[in-house]
Amino acid sequence: MLSVTTLGINSALPAYGRHPTSQVIHLDNLSIMVDCGEGTQMQMLKYKVKRGRLDYIFISHLHGDHYLGLPGLLNSLSLSGRTSELHVYAPAALEEILQLHFKVANTSINFPLHFHALPISEGKLLETNAFQVDTFLTEHRIECHGFVFKEKKNPRSIDAEKVKSYDIPYSFYDQLQMGEDFVQTNGYVVYNKELTLANTPSKSYAFCADTRYIESFIPYVQGVDMLYHEATYLDDLQEKAYERYHSTSKQAATLALKADVKRLLIGHFSSKYEYLDMFLEEAKSVFSNTEIAKEGFTFDV
């Protein structure tokens, strides 16, 4: 199961009740953070997202509203006695920033912290048995990355009652999930379809951080189950959005439409707006299956 909790939905300047960007993706037993703006730890506490369960952190770019919460989070993890490893994927310069921060603070991180510099290229970034991550470049004032998280599932799932009734050994479960039949000691073949169920389709979630409206990364987000796309301004400020390397609500919806995604999630709102209803209204006028990010809300992908 793939879901995402939005902890921060605002742009560079926080607004009352709205925090800088941070999300946590939940994938079975894994927790994956995407961006870590200031205040992220407090948001995690408020919405009961356990920081100790984080396995991976991805940082899209090095504007403060997307990473300034990270040094404090890493320090808290160390102080709380974390021993399991943590992988951070981010633009290369962040490693130097973190090292300097901990050096001047005379602070040690007492768990295995693995830093992976994001390549200035696009394509597959990470693959595990559970998921794959692709990265693409957006058009922002500095190097900025988007990410596509793809769930990986075996073609079949185990029918617990059937495998028990046929006394199938646990050691054979992986083969069953890959479609193999089971041959009993007497030579009797128990066909795979008797022991398994068709699995639900794998899900995909794309995170498009700060960017002007561009279509060059559409091939990477084509057909995803959910696309998160920044929508800093309403559409009457298209020119301002372009000048500041951001997008409008309608532009986010237009890209979702052209990429044939199933659902659109918009966020990264400018603090100049007190109310956000118009963002959803404008986006839905172009792409009807649009939702608006809400802090502390978990969206099933």
Foldseek 3Di string as FASTA:
>chain_A
DKKKAWAAFAADDAAVQHAFGKMWIDFPQAIEIEFFAPPSVVSCVVLVPDLLRHAEYEFFAPDRSGHVRPLVSQQVNQVVPRAEEHEYEYAPCVVVVSVVVCVVVVHDRRYHYHYHHDDLAWFWDDDDQFWTKTWDFAAAPDTGIKIKIKGDAQQWAFPVVQCVVVVPDPVCRVVLSNFDWDADPVRDTHGSVSTTHGDDDIAMEMEAPQAQQDQPCLVVCAAHQEYEAEAAAAPVCNVVCVVRGGHHLCSQLVNCVVSVYNAYEYGRYYNVDPDDPVSLVNSCVRPVRYDYRDRSDMGDD
